Amino acid sequence: MKIKFDKNYYEDGISKGLSCYENYRWIPELTYPMAHKFYNFLKLGKKSNVLEYGCAHGFLVKCLNDYGVNTYGVDISEFAIKNSLADISDKVTIIKNNNLINAIKKFKFNKKIFDWIISKDVFEHIPQKELKKILNQMNKITKNLFVIVPLGDKSKYRIQQYHLDKTHIIIKNEEWWINLFKKNGFKVEQMLYKVDGIKDKWFKTNKRGNGFFVLKSKLIK
């Protein structure tokens, strides 16, 4: 059964056994502090251009824009994009057939290169063959890439709760992810298990449960 990233996935995911989401909604008192952690960790500024790959309703996109960062978002979920916040409707769009280059043409983005692409809790949903294609698009349009993924060993996530999401299809360890990035156009600048203020709850569950990868494009200087 192919699971759609629809209302059931985002708002009733746990009760219906589809995802880790339940009543997913805009909670500014949580999202703004997290966005500020991204801002500081990635050393963003008002001249920075950022794309969030897998932005859902665009909550992080909104917060970073409110901090003065020129931020856009793409997602495959029509439900998520259609239910994004009104004040960022021109900053988010649907991506079809994993064609990232085509998707960003919809934005009024005059520069060809982003300073950062951010992708949090997204890559584990994507088939490996498609993920390689996506990375090879990304390395042509961004200087840097920041990826957060759950880590696992022998088809088991180190954080058991991640198995609740039926759309999680990649369960790999740090070495596998590092090799993937290196083979598809990126240098690995840092690999961390913790970035303060981002996924802190899960660090308490397992200190090696998530990987935070800071990557630099091999193609863009």
N, C-alpha and C. Protein backbone atom coordinates (compact mmCIF):
# COMPACT_ATOMS: atom_id res chain seq x y z
N MET A 1 0.83 -1.19 0.00
CA MET A 1 0.00 0.00 0.00
C MET A 1 0.88 1.25 0.00
N LYS A 2 0.66 2.12 -0.95
CA LYS A 2 1.41 3.36 -1.02
C LYS A 2 0.75 4.40 -0.13
N ILE A 3 1.52 4.93 0.79
CA ILE A 3 0.99 5.89 1.76
C ILE A 3 1.15 7.30 1.21
N LYS A 4 0.07 8.06 1.27
CA LYS A 4 0.09 9.44 0.80
C LYS A 4 0.46 10.37 1.96
N PHE A 5 1.15 11.44 1.60
CA PHE A 5 1.49 12.45 2.59
C PHE A 5 0.33 13.45 2.65
N ASP A 6 -0.79 12.97 3.17
CA ASP A 6 -2.03 13.74 3.16
C ASP A 6 -2.43 14.13 4.59
N LYS A 7 -3.69 14.51 4.74
CA LYS A 7 -4.18 14.94 6.06
C LYS A 7 -4.02 13.83 7.10
N ASN A 8 -4.31 12.60 6.71
CA ASN A 8 -4.17 11.48 7.65
C ASN A 8 -2.74 11.34 8.13
N TYR A 9 -1.80 11.52 7.23
CA TYR A 9 -0.38 11.37 7.57
C TYR A 9 0.06 12.42 8.59
N TYR A 10 -0.35 13.67 8.36
CA TYR A 10 0.09 14.77 9.22
C TYR A 10 -0.73 14.95 10.48
N GLU A 11 -2.01 14.66 10.41
CA GLU A 11 -2.87 15.00 11.56
C GLU A 11 -3.34 13.80 12.36
N ASP A 12 -3.31 12.62 11.76
CA ASP A 12 -3.75 11.41 12.47
C ASP A 12 -2.77 10.26 12.28
N GLY A 13 -1.50 10.60 12.06
CA GLY A 13 -0.50 9.60 11.72
C GLY A 13 -0.30 8.52 12.76
N ILE A 14 -0.25 8.92 14.02
CA ILE A 14 -0.02 7.93 15.08
C ILE A 14 -1.25 7.05 15.28
N SER A 15 -2.41 7.67 15.37
CA SER A 15 -3.63 6.90 15.63
C SER A 15 -3.96 5.94 14.48
N LYS A 16 -3.55 6.31 13.26
CA LYS A 16 -3.85 5.46 12.10
C LYS A 16 -2.67 4.58 11.70
N GLY A 17 -1.60 4.64 12.48
CA GLY A 17 -0.44 3.80 12.20
C GLY A 17 0.29 4.14 10.93
N LEU A 18 0.34 5.44 10.60
CA LEU A 18 0.97 5.86 9.35
C LEU A 18 2.30 6.58 9.57
N SER A 19 2.37 7.38 10.63
CA SER A 19 3.55 8.23 10.82
C SER A 19 3.73 8.57 12.29
N CYS A 20 4.74 9.41 12.54
CA CYS A 20 5.01 9.88 13.90
C CYS A 20 4.28 11.18 14.21
N TYR A 21 3.46 11.64 13.26
CA TYR A 21 2.76 12.93 13.43
C TYR A 21 1.37 12.74 14.02
N GLU A 22 0.97 13.69 14.82
CA GLU A 22 -0.39 13.75 15.34
C GLU A 22 -0.74 15.22 15.55
N ASN A 23 -1.80 15.66 14.87
CA ASN A 23 -2.22 17.06 14.98
C ASN A 23 -1.08 18.03 14.67
N TYR A 24 -0.37 17.73 13.58
CA TYR A 24 0.74 18.58 13.14
C TYR A 24 0.22 19.97 12.80
N ARG A 25 0.79 21.00 13.43
CA ARG A 25 0.24 22.34 13.28
C ARG A 25 1.31 23.38 13.62
N TRP A 26 0.99 24.62 13.33
CA TRP A 26 1.88 25.74 13.59
C TRP A 26 1.93 26.03 15.07
N ILE A 27 3.10 25.86 15.67
CA ILE A 27 3.31 26.15 17.09
C ILE A 27 4.52 27.09 17.18
N PRO A 28 4.29 28.40 17.05
CA PRO A 28 5.40 29.34 16.96
C PRO A 28 6.36 29.31 18.14
N GLU A 29 5.84 29.03 19.34
CA GLU A 29 6.72 29.04 20.51
C GLU A 29 7.74 27.90 20.48
N LEU A 30 7.51 26.90 19.63
CA LEU A 30 8.48 25.81 19.45
C LEU A 30 9.34 26.03 18.20
N THR A 31 8.72 26.49 17.12
CA THR A 31 9.43 26.56 15.84
C THR A 31 10.40 27.73 15.78
N TYR A 32 10.05 28.87 16.33
CA TYR A 32 10.97 30.00 16.28
C TYR A 32 12.30 29.70 17.00
N PRO A 33 12.26 29.14 18.22
CA PRO A 33 13.54 28.81 18.87
C PRO A 33 14.37 27.80 18.07
N MET A 34 13.71 26.78 17.49
CA MET A 34 14.44 25.81 16.68
C MET A 34 15.04 26.49 15.45
N ALA A 35 14.26 27.35 14.80
CA ALA A 35 14.75 28.06 13.61
C ALA A 35 15.96 28.92 13.97
N HIS A 36 15.93 29.49 15.16
CA HIS A 36 17.06 30.33 15.60
C HIS A 36 18.32 29.49 15.77
N LYS A 37 18.15 28.23 16.17
CA LYS A 37 19.28 27.32 16.28
C LYS A 37 19.88 27.04 14.90
N PHE A 38 19.01 26.82 13.90
CA PHE A 38 19.49 26.67 12.52
C PHE A 38 20.26 27.93 12.11
N TYR A 39 19.67 29.07 12.40
CA TYR A 39 20.25 30.37 12.03
C TYR A 39 21.67 30.50 12.57
N ASN A 40 21.83 30.20 13.85
CA ASN A 40 23.14 30.33 14.48
C ASN A 40 24.12 29.25 14.03
N PHE A 41 23.65 28.01 13.98
CA PHE A 41 24.55 26.90 13.66
C PHE A 41 25.10 27.03 12.23
N LEU A 42 24.24 27.42 11.30
CA LEU A 42 24.65 27.54 9.90
C LEU A 42 25.23 28.92 9.58
N LYS A 43 25.26 29.80 10.59
CA LYS A 43 25.80 31.15 10.44
C LYS A 43 25.11 31.90 9.31
N LEU A 44 23.78 31.87 9.36
CA LEU A 44 22.99 32.54 8.35
C LEU A 44 22.94 34.04 8.63
N GLY A 45 22.56 34.79 7.61
CA GLY A 45 22.41 36.24 7.76
C GLY A 45 21.37 36.75 6.79
N LYS A 46 21.17 38.04 6.78
CA LYS A 46 20.13 38.61 5.94
C LYS A 46 20.45 38.55 4.45
N LYS A 47 21.70 38.24 4.11
CA LYS A 47 22.06 38.07 2.71
C LYS A 47 22.07 36.61 2.29
N SER A 48 21.73 35.72 3.23
CA SER A 48 21.75 34.29 2.92
C SER A 48 20.53 33.88 2.11
N ASN A 49 20.74 32.93 1.20
CA ASN A 49 19.66 32.34 0.42
C ASN A 49 19.57 30.86 0.76
N VAL A 50 18.39 30.43 1.21
CA VAL A 50 18.23 29.08 1.74
C VAL A 50 17.03 28.40 1.09
N LEU A 51 17.17 27.10 0.87
CA LEU A 51 16.06 26.27 0.40
C LEU A 51 15.86 25.13 1.37
N GLU A 52 14.62 24.92 1.81
CA GLU A 52 14.33 23.73 2.62
C GLU A 52 13.72 22.67 1.71
N TYR A 53 14.39 21.53 1.65
CA TYR A 53 13.90 20.41 0.85
C TYR A 53 13.08 19.50 1.76
N GLY A 54 11.77 19.43 1.51
CA GLY A 54 10.87 18.69 2.38
C GLY A 54 10.36 19.61 3.48
N CYS A 55 9.73 20.70 3.06
CA CYS A 55 9.36 21.77 4.00
C CYS A 55 8.02 21.56 4.69
N ALA A 56 7.24 20.54 4.25
CA ALA A 56 5.90 20.31 4.79
C ALA A 56 5.07 21.60 4.69
N HIS A 57 4.52 22.09 5.79
CA HIS A 57 3.70 23.30 5.75
C HIS A 57 4.52 24.60 5.71
N GLY A 58 5.83 24.46 5.75
CA GLY A 58 6.69 25.64 5.63
C GLY A 58 6.92 26.40 6.91
N PHE A 59 6.81 25.74 8.05
CA PHE A 59 6.97 26.44 9.32
C PHE A 59 8.39 26.98 9.49
N LEU A 60 9.39 26.17 9.15
CA LEU A 60 10.78 26.64 9.25
C LEU A 60 11.04 27.73 8.22
N VAL A 61 10.45 27.59 7.03
CA VAL A 61 10.59 28.61 5.99
C VAL A 61 10.08 29.96 6.50
N LYS A 62 8.93 29.95 7.16
CA LYS A 62 8.36 31.19 7.70
C LYS A 62 9.29 31.80 8.75
N CYS A 63 9.74 30.99 9.67
CA CYS A 63 10.56 31.51 10.76
C CYS A 63 11.86 32.12 10.25
N LEU A 64 12.52 31.43 9.33
CA LEU A 64 13.78 31.96 8.81
C LEU A 64 13.56 33.24 8.02
N ASN A 65 12.45 33.31 7.28
CA ASN A 65 12.13 34.56 6.59
C ASN A 65 11.88 35.68 7.58
N ASP A 66 11.20 35.35 8.68
CA ASP A 66 10.95 36.36 9.70
C ASP A 66 12.24 36.83 10.37
N TYR A 67 13.26 35.97 10.34
CA TYR A 67 14.58 36.36 10.85
C TYR A 67 15.40 37.11 9.81
N GLY A 68 14.81 37.31 8.63
CA GLY A 68 15.47 38.08 7.59
C GLY A 68 16.23 37.27 6.57
N VAL A 69 16.15 35.95 6.63
CA VAL A 69 16.84 35.07 5.69
C VAL A 69 15.93 34.80 4.49
N ASN A 70 16.44 34.95 3.30
CA ASN A 70 15.66 34.70 2.09
C ASN A 70 15.51 33.19 1.90
N THR A 71 14.39 32.65 2.36
CA THR A 71 14.21 31.20 2.44
C THR A 71 13.00 30.73 1.64
N TYR A 72 13.19 29.60 0.94
CA TYR A 72 12.14 28.97 0.16
C TYR A 72 11.99 27.52 0.60
N GLY A 73 10.90 26.88 0.16
CA GLY A 73 10.70 25.47 0.51
C GLY A 73 9.99 24.70 -0.59
N VAL A 74 10.35 23.42 -0.72
CA VAL A 74 9.67 22.52 -1.65
C VAL A 74 9.27 21.25 -0.92
N ASP A 75 8.17 20.65 -1.37
CA ASP A 75 7.71 19.40 -0.77
C ASP A 75 6.88 18.64 -1.80
N ILE A 76 6.84 17.31 -1.68
CA ILE A 76 6.06 16.51 -2.62
C ILE A 76 4.59 16.46 -2.24
N SER A 77 4.26 16.88 -1.02
CA SER A 77 2.89 16.77 -0.52
C SER A 77 2.03 17.97 -0.95
N GLU A 78 1.05 17.70 -1.80
CA GLU A 78 0.13 18.76 -2.19
C GLU A 78 -0.66 19.25 -0.98
N PHE A 79 -1.03 18.32 -0.10
CA PHE A 79 -1.77 18.71 1.11
C PHE A 79 -0.95 19.68 1.95
N ALA A 80 0.33 19.36 2.16
CA ALA A 80 1.18 20.21 3.00
C ALA A 80 1.34 21.60 2.41
N ILE A 81 1.61 21.66 1.11
CA ILE A 81 1.83 22.96 0.47
C ILE A 81 0.55 23.78 0.43
N LYS A 82 -0.56 23.14 0.12
CA LYS A 82 -1.84 23.86 0.06
C LYS A 82 -2.27 24.37 1.42
N ASN A 83 -1.76 23.76 2.48
CA ASN A 83 -2.11 24.17 3.83
C ASN A 83 -0.96 24.91 4.52
N SER A 84 -0.07 25.47 3.72
CA SER A 84 1.01 26.27 4.29
C SER A 84 0.47 27.62 4.75
N LEU A 85 1.25 28.32 5.52
CA LEU A 85 0.82 29.61 6.06
C LEU A 85 0.70 30.63 4.93
N ALA A 86 -0.32 31.46 5.01
CA ALA A 86 -0.66 32.37 3.91
C ALA A 86 0.48 33.33 3.56
N ASP A 87 1.21 33.79 4.57
CA ASP A 87 2.23 34.82 4.30
C ASP A 87 3.49 34.27 3.64
N ILE A 88 3.58 32.95 3.45
CA ILE A 88 4.73 32.39 2.72
C ILE A 88 4.28 31.60 1.50
N SER A 89 3.05 31.83 1.05
CA SER A 89 2.51 31.05 -0.07
C SER A 89 3.36 31.18 -1.34
N ASP A 90 4.05 32.31 -1.50
CA ASP A 90 4.90 32.49 -2.67
C ASP A 90 6.32 31.97 -2.45
N LYS A 91 6.55 31.43 -1.26
CA LYS A 91 7.88 30.94 -0.90
C LYS A 91 7.96 29.41 -0.86
N VAL A 92 6.83 28.74 -1.04
CA VAL A 92 6.82 27.28 -1.01
C VAL A 92 6.11 26.75 -2.26
N THR A 93 6.52 25.56 -2.69
CA THR A 93 5.89 24.98 -3.87
C THR A 93 6.03 23.47 -3.86
N ILE A 94 5.21 22.82 -4.68
CA ILE A 94 5.25 21.37 -4.83
C ILE A 94 6.39 20.98 -5.76
N ILE A 95 7.09 19.93 -5.42
CA ILE A 95 8.11 19.37 -6.29
C ILE A 95 7.55 18.07 -6.88
N LYS A 96 7.61 17.95 -8.19
CA LYS A 96 7.06 16.77 -8.87
C LYS A 96 8.19 15.96 -9.50
N ASN A 97 8.06 14.64 -9.39
CA ASN A 97 9.02 13.71 -9.99
C ASN A 97 10.46 13.99 -9.55
N ASN A 98 10.58 14.51 -8.33
CA ASN A 98 11.89 14.82 -7.76
C ASN A 98 12.73 15.74 -8.64
N ASN A 99 12.06 16.56 -9.46
CA ASN A 99 12.76 17.50 -10.32
C ASN A 99 12.94 18.83 -9.59
N LEU A 100 14.03 18.91 -8.86
CA LEU A 100 14.28 20.09 -8.03
C LEU A 100 14.54 21.33 -8.87
N ILE A 101 15.27 21.17 -9.95
CA ILE A 101 15.61 22.31 -10.81
C ILE A 101 14.34 22.95 -11.35
N ASN A 102 13.41 22.14 -11.78
CA ASN A 102 12.16 22.65 -12.33
C ASN A 102 11.31 23.32 -11.25
N ALA A 103 11.30 22.74 -10.06
CA ALA A 103 10.48 23.27 -8.96
C ALA A 103 10.90 24.68 -8.56
N ILE A 104 12.21 24.93 -8.47
CA ILE A 104 12.65 26.24 -7.97
C ILE A 104 12.47 27.34 -9.02
N LYS A 105 12.17 26.97 -10.26
CA LYS A 105 11.89 27.98 -11.29
C LYS A 105 10.63 28.77 -10.95
N LYS A 106 9.78 28.21 -10.07
CA LYS A 106 8.53 28.86 -9.71
C LYS A 106 8.74 30.02 -8.74
N PHE A 107 9.94 30.08 -8.16
CA PHE A 107 10.23 31.16 -7.21
C PHE A 107 10.81 32.39 -7.91
N LYS A 108 10.63 33.53 -7.29
CA LYS A 108 11.27 34.75 -7.78
C LYS A 108 12.66 34.84 -7.16
N PHE A 109 13.47 33.88 -7.56
CA PHE A 109 14.82 33.75 -7.01
C PHE A 109 15.81 34.07 -8.13
N ASN A 110 16.38 35.26 -8.08
CA ASN A 110 17.21 35.74 -9.18
C ASN A 110 18.59 35.08 -9.21
N LYS A 111 19.10 34.74 -8.03
CA LYS A 111 20.41 34.10 -8.00
C LYS A 111 20.27 32.62 -8.36
N LYS A 112 21.29 32.06 -8.95
CA LYS A 112 21.22 30.67 -9.38
C LYS A 112 21.66 29.70 -8.29
N ILE A 113 22.34 30.23 -7.28
CA ILE A 113 22.94 29.37 -6.27
C ILE A 113 22.43 29.71 -4.87
N PHE A 114 22.06 28.69 -4.10
CA PHE A 114 21.70 28.86 -2.70
C PHE A 114 22.96 28.76 -1.84
N ASP A 115 22.93 29.44 -0.72
CA ASP A 115 24.01 29.28 0.25
C ASP A 115 23.87 27.97 1.00
N TRP A 116 22.62 27.61 1.29
CA TRP A 116 22.34 26.37 2.00
C TRP A 116 21.06 25.73 1.48
N ILE A 117 21.08 24.41 1.41
CA ILE A 117 19.84 23.62 1.37
C ILE A 117 19.76 22.88 2.69
N ILE A 118 18.61 22.95 3.32
CA ILE A 118 18.36 22.24 4.58
C ILE A 118 17.36 21.12 4.31
N SER A 119 17.65 19.93 4.83
CA SER A 119 16.69 18.83 4.71
C SER A 119 16.69 18.04 6.02
N LYS A 120 15.63 18.22 6.77
CA LYS A 120 15.51 17.61 8.11
C LYS A 120 14.46 16.50 8.08
N ASP A 121 14.87 15.29 8.42
CA ASP A 121 13.95 14.15 8.52
C ASP A 121 13.21 13.90 7.20
N VAL A 122 13.95 13.92 6.10
CA VAL A 122 13.35 13.75 4.77
C VAL A 122 14.00 12.63 3.97
N PHE A 123 15.32 12.59 3.95
CA PHE A 123 16.02 11.66 3.06
C PHE A 123 15.69 10.20 3.33
N GLU A 124 15.33 9.88 4.57
CA GLU A 124 15.01 8.48 4.89
C GLU A 124 13.72 8.01 4.23
N HIS A 125 12.95 8.95 3.66
CA HIS A 125 11.69 8.60 2.98
C HIS A 125 11.90 8.29 1.50
N ILE A 126 13.08 8.53 0.98
CA ILE A 126 13.30 8.54 -0.47
C ILE A 126 14.04 7.28 -0.92
N PRO A 127 13.56 6.59 -1.98
CA PRO A 127 14.30 5.43 -2.51
C PRO A 127 15.73 5.82 -2.87
N GLN A 128 16.65 4.91 -2.66
CA GLN A 128 18.07 5.22 -2.83
C GLN A 128 18.40 5.73 -4.23
N LYS A 129 17.82 5.13 -5.24
CA LYS A 129 18.10 5.54 -6.62
C LYS A 129 17.66 6.99 -6.84
N GLU A 130 16.49 7.35 -6.32
CA GLU A 130 16.00 8.71 -6.45
C GLU A 130 16.83 9.69 -5.62
N LEU A 131 17.27 9.24 -4.47
CA LEU A 131 18.06 10.10 -3.59
C LEU A 131 19.38 10.50 -4.26
N LYS A 132 19.98 9.58 -4.98
CA LYS A 132 21.22 9.90 -5.71
C LYS A 132 20.96 10.97 -6.76
N LYS A 133 19.84 10.87 -7.45
CA LYS A 133 19.48 11.88 -8.46
C LYS A 133 19.29 13.25 -7.81
N ILE A 134 18.63 13.24 -6.66
CA ILE A 134 18.36 14.50 -5.96
C ILE A 134 19.66 15.16 -5.51
N LEU A 135 20.57 14.37 -4.95
CA LEU A 135 21.85 14.92 -4.51
C LEU A 135 22.64 15.50 -5.68
N ASN A 136 22.54 14.85 -6.82
CA ASN A 136 23.27 15.34 -8.00
C ASN A 136 22.61 16.55 -8.64
N GLN A 137 21.38 16.85 -8.26
CA GLN A 137 20.78 18.15 -8.60
C GLN A 137 21.20 19.20 -7.59
N MET A 138 21.19 18.81 -6.33
CA MET A 138 21.53 19.75 -5.27
C MET A 138 22.96 20.27 -5.38
N ASN A 139 23.89 19.39 -5.75
CA ASN A 139 25.29 19.84 -5.76
C ASN A 139 25.58 20.88 -6.83
N LYS A 140 24.62 21.10 -7.71
CA LYS A 140 24.77 22.11 -8.76
C LYS A 140 24.12 23.45 -8.40
N ILE A 141 23.31 23.46 -7.34
CA ILE A 141 22.56 24.69 -7.03
C ILE A 141 22.76 25.19 -5.60
N THR A 142 23.62 24.53 -4.82
CA THR A 142 23.87 25.02 -3.46
C THR A 142 25.34 24.89 -3.10
N LYS A 143 25.81 25.85 -2.34
CA LYS A 143 27.18 25.78 -1.84
C LYS A 143 27.29 24.74 -0.73
N ASN A 144 26.25 24.70 0.10
CA ASN A 144 26.27 23.83 1.29
C ASN A 144 24.95 23.11 1.46
N LEU A 145 25.02 21.96 2.12
CA LEU A 145 23.83 21.15 2.40
C LEU A 145 23.88 20.68 3.84
N PHE A 146 22.77 20.84 4.54
CA PHE A 146 22.66 20.38 5.93
C PHE A 146 21.55 19.33 5.99
N VAL A 147 21.94 18.10 6.31
CA VAL A 147 21.00 16.97 6.31
C VAL A 147 20.90 16.38 7.70
N ILE A 148 19.67 16.13 8.13
CA ILE A 148 19.42 15.44 9.39
C ILE A 148 18.62 14.18 9.09
N VAL A 149 19.14 13.03 9.50
CA VAL A 149 18.46 11.75 9.25
C VAL A 149 18.55 10.85 10.48
N PRO A 150 17.58 9.96 10.66
CA PRO A 150 17.69 8.95 11.71
C PRO A 150 18.69 7.88 11.30
N LEU A 151 19.44 7.38 12.27
CA LEU A 151 20.45 6.37 11.99
C LEU A 151 20.00 4.99 12.47
N GLY A 152 20.48 3.96 11.79
CA GLY A 152 20.10 2.60 12.16
C GLY A 152 21.18 1.59 11.83
N ASP A 153 20.98 0.39 12.34
CA ASP A 153 21.90 -0.71 12.11
C ASP A 153 21.10 -1.97 11.81
N LYS A 154 21.49 -2.66 10.74
CA LYS A 154 20.87 -3.94 10.39
C LYS A 154 19.34 -3.83 10.33
N SER A 155 18.88 -2.82 9.60
CA SER A 155 17.44 -2.60 9.35
C SER A 155 16.64 -2.23 10.60
N LYS A 156 17.32 -1.76 11.63
CA LYS A 156 16.62 -1.30 12.84
C LYS A 156 17.12 0.09 13.22
N TYR A 157 16.18 1.01 13.36
CA TYR A 157 16.56 2.35 13.83
C TYR A 157 17.03 2.28 15.27
N ARG A 158 17.99 3.10 15.60
CA ARG A 158 18.49 3.15 16.98
C ARG A 158 17.44 3.76 17.91
N ILE A 159 16.55 4.56 17.35
CA ILE A 159 15.41 5.08 18.09
C ILE A 159 14.18 4.34 17.59
N GLN A 160 13.63 3.48 18.40
CA GLN A 160 12.56 2.57 17.98
C GLN A 160 11.34 3.29 17.42
N GLN A 161 11.03 4.46 17.97
CA GLN A 161 9.83 5.17 17.55
C GLN A 161 9.83 5.53 16.07
N TYR A 162 11.01 5.60 15.45
CA TYR A 162 11.06 5.96 14.03
C TYR A 162 10.43 4.89 13.14
N HIS A 163 10.26 3.70 13.68
CA HIS A 163 9.60 2.65 12.90
C HIS A 163 8.09 2.88 12.80
N LEU A 164 7.57 3.82 13.57
CA LEU A 164 6.13 4.12 13.50
C LEU A 164 5.75 4.74 12.16
N ASP A 165 6.72 5.39 11.50
CA ASP A 165 6.44 6.01 10.21
C ASP A 165 6.61 4.98 9.10
N LYS A 166 5.52 4.62 8.47
CA LYS A 166 5.54 3.57 7.45
C LYS A 166 6.20 4.02 6.15
N THR A 167 6.49 5.31 6.03
CA THR A 167 7.16 5.79 4.82
C THR A 167 8.67 5.86 4.97
N HIS A 168 9.19 5.48 6.14
CA HIS A 168 10.65 5.42 6.33
C HIS A 168 11.18 4.17 5.64
N ILE A 169 12.03 4.36 4.64
CA ILE A 169 12.51 3.21 3.88
C ILE A 169 14.03 3.05 3.89
N ILE A 170 14.77 4.05 4.36
CA ILE A 170 16.22 3.91 4.47
C ILE A 170 16.61 3.85 5.94
N ILE A 171 17.24 2.75 6.32
CA ILE A 171 17.70 2.56 7.69
C ILE A 171 19.19 2.21 7.62
N LYS A 172 20.03 3.22 7.71
CA LYS A 172 21.46 3.03 7.51
C LYS A 172 22.27 3.75 8.58
N ASN A 173 23.54 3.35 8.69
CA ASN A 173 24.40 3.96 9.71
C ASN A 173 25.18 5.14 9.13
N GLU A 174 26.02 5.74 9.98
CA GLU A 174 26.77 6.93 9.61
C GLU A 174 27.65 6.71 8.39
N GLU A 175 28.37 5.59 8.37
CA GLU A 175 29.30 5.31 7.27
C GLU A 175 28.57 5.25 5.93
N TRP A 176 27.40 4.63 5.92
CA TRP A 176 26.64 4.52 4.67
C TRP A 176 26.26 5.89 4.16
N TRP A 177 25.78 6.75 5.05
CA TRP A 177 25.36 8.09 4.64
C TRP A 177 26.56 8.91 4.16
N ILE A 178 27.67 8.81 4.85
CA ILE A 178 28.87 9.54 4.45
C ILE A 178 29.31 9.14 3.05
N ASN A 179 29.31 7.83 2.79
CA ASN A 179 29.70 7.34 1.46
C ASN A 179 28.73 7.82 0.38
N LEU A 180 27.44 7.84 0.72
CA LEU A 180 26.43 8.32 -0.23
C LEU A 180 26.71 9.77 -0.62
N PHE A 181 26.94 10.60 0.36
CA PHE A 181 27.18 12.01 0.09
C PHE A 181 28.47 12.21 -0.73
N LYS A 182 29.52 11.50 -0.37
CA LYS A 182 30.80 11.64 -1.07
C LYS A 182 30.70 11.20 -2.52
N LYS A 183 29.93 10.16 -2.78
CA LYS A 183 29.82 9.62 -4.14
C LYS A 183 28.88 10.44 -5.02
N ASN A 184 28.14 11.36 -4.41
CA ASN A 184 27.15 12.12 -5.16
C ASN A 184 27.32 13.62 -5.02
N GLY A 185 28.60 14.03 -5.03
CA GLY A 185 28.89 15.44 -5.23
C GLY A 185 29.12 16.31 -4.02
N PHE A 186 29.30 15.71 -2.83
CA PHE A 186 29.48 16.54 -1.64
C PHE A 186 30.69 16.10 -0.80
N LYS A 187 31.33 17.07 -0.19
CA LYS A 187 32.35 16.81 0.81
C LYS A 187 31.69 16.84 2.18
N VAL A 188 32.10 15.96 3.06
CA VAL A 188 31.55 15.93 4.41
C VAL A 188 32.42 16.80 5.32
N GLU A 189 31.88 17.94 5.70
CA GLU A 189 32.60 18.87 6.57
C GLU A 189 32.49 18.46 8.04
N GLN A 190 31.29 18.04 8.43
CA GLN A 190 31.06 17.61 9.82
C GLN A 190 30.00 16.53 9.85
N MET A 191 30.15 15.61 10.78
CA MET A 191 29.10 14.65 11.09
C MET A 191 28.92 14.67 12.60
N LEU A 192 27.73 15.07 13.04
CA LEU A 192 27.47 15.24 14.46
C LEU A 192 26.27 14.39 14.89
N TYR A 193 26.23 14.08 16.17
CA TYR A 193 25.07 13.39 16.73
C TYR A 193 24.12 14.35 17.42
N LYS A 194 24.59 15.58 17.61
CA LYS A 194 23.75 16.54 18.34
C LYS A 194 24.05 17.96 17.88
N VAL A 195 22.99 18.71 17.63
CA VAL A 195 23.07 20.16 17.46
C VAL A 195 22.07 20.74 18.45
N ASP A 196 22.55 21.48 19.40
CA ASP A 196 21.69 21.99 20.48
C ASP A 196 20.45 22.69 19.93
N GLY A 197 19.30 22.29 20.48
CA GLY A 197 18.05 22.94 20.11
C GLY A 197 17.32 22.29 18.95
N ILE A 198 17.93 21.26 18.34
CA ILE A 198 17.30 20.56 17.23
C ILE A 198 17.21 19.07 17.58
N LYS A 199 16.02 18.57 17.72
CA LYS A 199 15.78 17.15 18.04
C LYS A 199 16.39 16.74 19.39
N ASP A 200 16.40 17.67 20.35
CA ASP A 200 16.96 17.37 21.67
C ASP A 200 16.27 16.20 22.35
N LYS A 201 14.96 16.11 22.17
CA LYS A 201 14.18 15.04 22.79
C LYS A 201 14.74 13.67 22.43
N TRP A 202 15.09 13.51 21.16
CA TRP A 202 15.55 12.19 20.69
C TRP A 202 16.98 11.89 21.11
N PHE A 203 17.77 12.93 21.36
CA PHE A 203 19.13 12.72 21.85
C PHE A 203 19.10 12.07 23.24
N LYS A 204 18.08 12.44 24.00
CA LYS A 204 17.93 11.83 25.33
C LYS A 204 17.55 10.36 25.23
N THR A 205 16.85 10.01 24.14
CA THR A 205 16.46 8.61 23.93
C THR A 205 17.64 7.76 23.50
N ASN A 206 18.44 8.30 22.55
CA ASN A 206 19.63 7.59 22.07
C ASN A 206 20.62 8.64 21.57
N LYS A 207 21.79 8.68 22.18
CA LYS A 207 22.76 9.72 21.85
C LYS A 207 23.36 9.57 20.45
N ARG A 208 23.13 8.44 19.81
CA ARG A 208 23.62 8.23 18.44
C ARG A 208 22.45 7.89 17.51
N GLY A 209 21.27 8.40 17.85
CA GLY A 209 20.07 8.05 17.11
C GLY A 209 19.85 8.85 15.84
N ASN A 210 20.45 10.05 15.78
CA ASN A 210 20.30 10.92 14.60
C ASN A 210 21.65 11.39 14.12
N GLY A 211 21.76 11.57 12.81
CA GLY A 211 22.98 12.11 12.24
C GLY A 211 22.74 13.50 11.67
N PHE A 212 23.63 14.42 11.99
CA PHE A 212 23.58 15.79 11.47
C PHE A 212 24.80 15.95 10.56
N PHE A 213 24.56 16.09 9.27
CA PHE A 213 25.65 16.13 8.29
C PHE A 213 25.78 17.53 7.68
N VAL A 214 26.94 18.12 7.83
CA VAL A 214 27.24 19.42 7.23
C VAL A 214 28.09 19.13 5.99
N LEU A 215 27.55 19.47 4.82
CA LEU A 215 28.17 19.08 3.55
C LEU A 215 28.46 20.28 2.67
N LYS A 216 29.48 20.14 1.85
CA LYS A 216 29.84 21.21 0.92
C LYS A 216 29.89 20.65 -0.50
N SER A 217 29.31 21.38 -1.44
CA SER A 217 29.30 20.93 -2.83
C SER A 217 30.71 20.86 -3.39
N LYS A 218 31.01 19.79 -4.14
CA LYS A 218 32.31 19.66 -4.80
C LYS A 218 32.36 20.50 -6.08
N LEU A 219 31.20 20.93 -6.56
CA LEU A 219 31.14 21.63 -7.85
C LEU A 219 31.16 23.14 -7.73
N ILE A 220 30.75 23.65 -6.56
CA ILE A 220 30.61 25.11 -6.38
C ILE A 220 31.64 25.61 -5.38
N LYS A 221 32.40 26.56 -5.79
CA LYS A 221 33.43 27.13 -4.90
C LYS A 221 32.86 28.29 -4.09
